[in-house]
């Protein structure tokens, strides 16, 4: 192997290892205390479509770079249609979220969990869409599951994040057609997790509020997972069942509802992409899409 090729493989190995090191098993920290010197989290909703509200607000603390904004959606699963799309079940071609939206006639698109850098079409956690399994393996320590496309729409919501420490996967796996596994940030009671590896990054997370709305939170300015967990604990209405969907430059949020258009692109992740320079959506193999009715 030449020196140049050896150098390239070393860089790739470090990226894979550093990316994976963030995602260790969570630990419960039920005695939450608000960090000192934090501002209040102010959330003022703006209706942008049927069942969809939007807010952009300052994070309770300043990030090391950028505008320190949090972009938040509140989505009523009863008033929209959710779906999950995997390139491996289609043409094996990853696409940016705006292209997924155009291709599949979607109004909102974001990451369906993290994917394997060494096998870029394959999810790192369990990912299933109908009869197609993108990833069979259940990832140990990833304790939440995003469930979509209920088999019986009369008895369950169209999209639910489940805490696998409160509800066993075996008890719900026949109730939905689609599943995307992720890492827990808040448990089923709203208790915060304390992440062992806590690298700052752009990120996208989802959670439920006390009325079972889906809350989607995006930040480009880097914060650590534990900081984001603290932000969610300051939310004006209690949140629970929070799931980490993605971090770094792959993080993507696209919204085009009526005359409202929003494109949010992630960038920074400590150790592997420690810069605020990404300006384009990365091609994604797996996405969650929403159609506003």
Foldseek 3Di string as FASTA:
>chain_A
DDPVVVVVVVLVVQLQVVVVVQFDFWAFDQPDDQDPQFAFWDFDWDDQAVQKTWGKTAFRDDFPDDDNIKIKMWGDLVQWAKAKAFCVVPVVWFAFQVVVCVVVVFFKKWFLADARPVRQRAHPAWKFAAPDTSDPDHDPSQFKKWFAAFPDCVPDGRIDIAGCVVPPCVVCVNGGRIMGTFHWQFAQVRTGIDGPRWWWFWFWKWWAFPVRIIMIMTDQRTDTSNSVSSSQPSPPTGTHNMGTGDTAQQTWMWGHGDPDTDTDGHHDTPPNGHDSPDDDHDGHRMMMGMGRD
